[in-house]
């Protein structure tokens, strides 16, 4: 049993897969954070545009 545990601890098969899983997770989290930031800015810009268009008087005399 001890020999099996030592062999398991020394085995490096799959280590690259773990690295890529961690790297992919970090990229996904970073992408979500950037998306959230852009989304908040886009909503704020749309609200400002809406207010600007709402405040503009409409003329009916052509």
Protein backbone atom coordinates (compact mmCIF):
# COMPACT_ATOMS: atom_id res chain seq x y z
CA UNK A 1 0.00 0.00 0.00
CA UNK A 2 2.83 2.42 0.85
CA UNK A 3 4.52 1.57 -2.44
CA UNK A 4 1.32 2.34 -4.32
CA UNK A 5 1.01 5.74 -2.61
CA UNK A 6 4.65 6.60 -3.39
CA UNK A 7 4.11 5.62 -7.02
CA UNK A 8 0.93 7.73 -7.17
CA UNK A 9 2.70 10.75 -5.67
CA UNK A 10 5.58 10.50 -8.13
CA UNK A 11 3.38 10.02 -11.20
CA UNK A 12 3.22 13.17 -13.32
CA UNK A 13 0.70 11.97 -15.90
CA UNK A 14 -2.14 14.46 -16.14
CA UNK A 15 -0.21 17.35 -14.61
CA UNK A 16 -0.42 19.32 -17.86
CA UNK A 17 -4.17 18.78 -17.93
CA UNK A 18 -4.50 20.26 -14.47
CA UNK A 19 -2.43 23.26 -15.56
CA UNK A 20 -4.68 23.87 -18.54
CA UNK A 21 -7.84 23.51 -16.45
CA UNK A 22 -6.59 26.15 -14.02
CA UNK A 23 -5.48 28.42 -16.86
CA UNK A 24 -8.82 28.04 -18.65
CA UNK A 25 -10.74 28.79 -15.46
CA UNK A 26 -8.69 31.96 -14.94
CA UNK A 27 -9.38 33.09 -18.51
CA UNK A 28 -13.11 32.47 -18.10
CA UNK A 29 -13.24 34.44 -14.84
CA UNK A 30 -11.29 37.30 -16.42
CA UNK A 31 -13.64 37.29 -19.41
CA UNK A 32 -16.68 37.43 -17.15
CA UNK A 33 -15.21 40.33 -15.20
CA UNK A 34 -14.48 42.28 -18.38
CA UNK A 35 -17.95 41.53 -19.72
CA UNK A 36 -19.55 42.74 -16.51
CA UNK A 37 -17.52 45.95 -16.63
CA UNK A 38 -18.42 46.64 -20.25
CA UNK A 39 -22.07 45.83 -19.57
CA UNK A 40 -22.28 48.33 -16.73
CA UNK A 41 -20.71 51.05 -18.88
CA UNK A 42 -23.02 50.30 -21.80
CA UNK A 43 -26.11 50.56 -19.60
CA UNK A 44 -24.92 53.89 -18.20
CA UNK A 45 -24.27 55.23 -21.71
CA UNK A 46 -27.70 54.06 -22.90
CA UNK A 47 -29.36 55.77 -19.93
CA UNK A 48 -27.58 59.04 -20.76
CA UNK A 49 -28.66 58.79 -24.40
CA UNK A 50 -32.24 58.09 -23.36
CA UNK A 51 -32.27 61.13 -21.07
CA UNK A 52 -30.77 63.32 -23.80
CA UNK A 53 -33.41 62.24 -26.32
CA UNK A 54 -36.23 62.55 -23.79
CA UNK A 55 -35.24 66.11 -22.85
CA UNK A 56 -35.20 67.28 -26.47
CA UNK A 57 -38.44 69.09 -27.40
CA UNK A 58 -40.34 67.90 -30.43
CA UNK A 59 -41.48 70.56 -32.85
CA UNK A 60 -44.80 70.13 -34.60
CA UNK A 61 -44.54 73.11 -36.97
CA UNK A 62 -42.88 71.94 -40.14
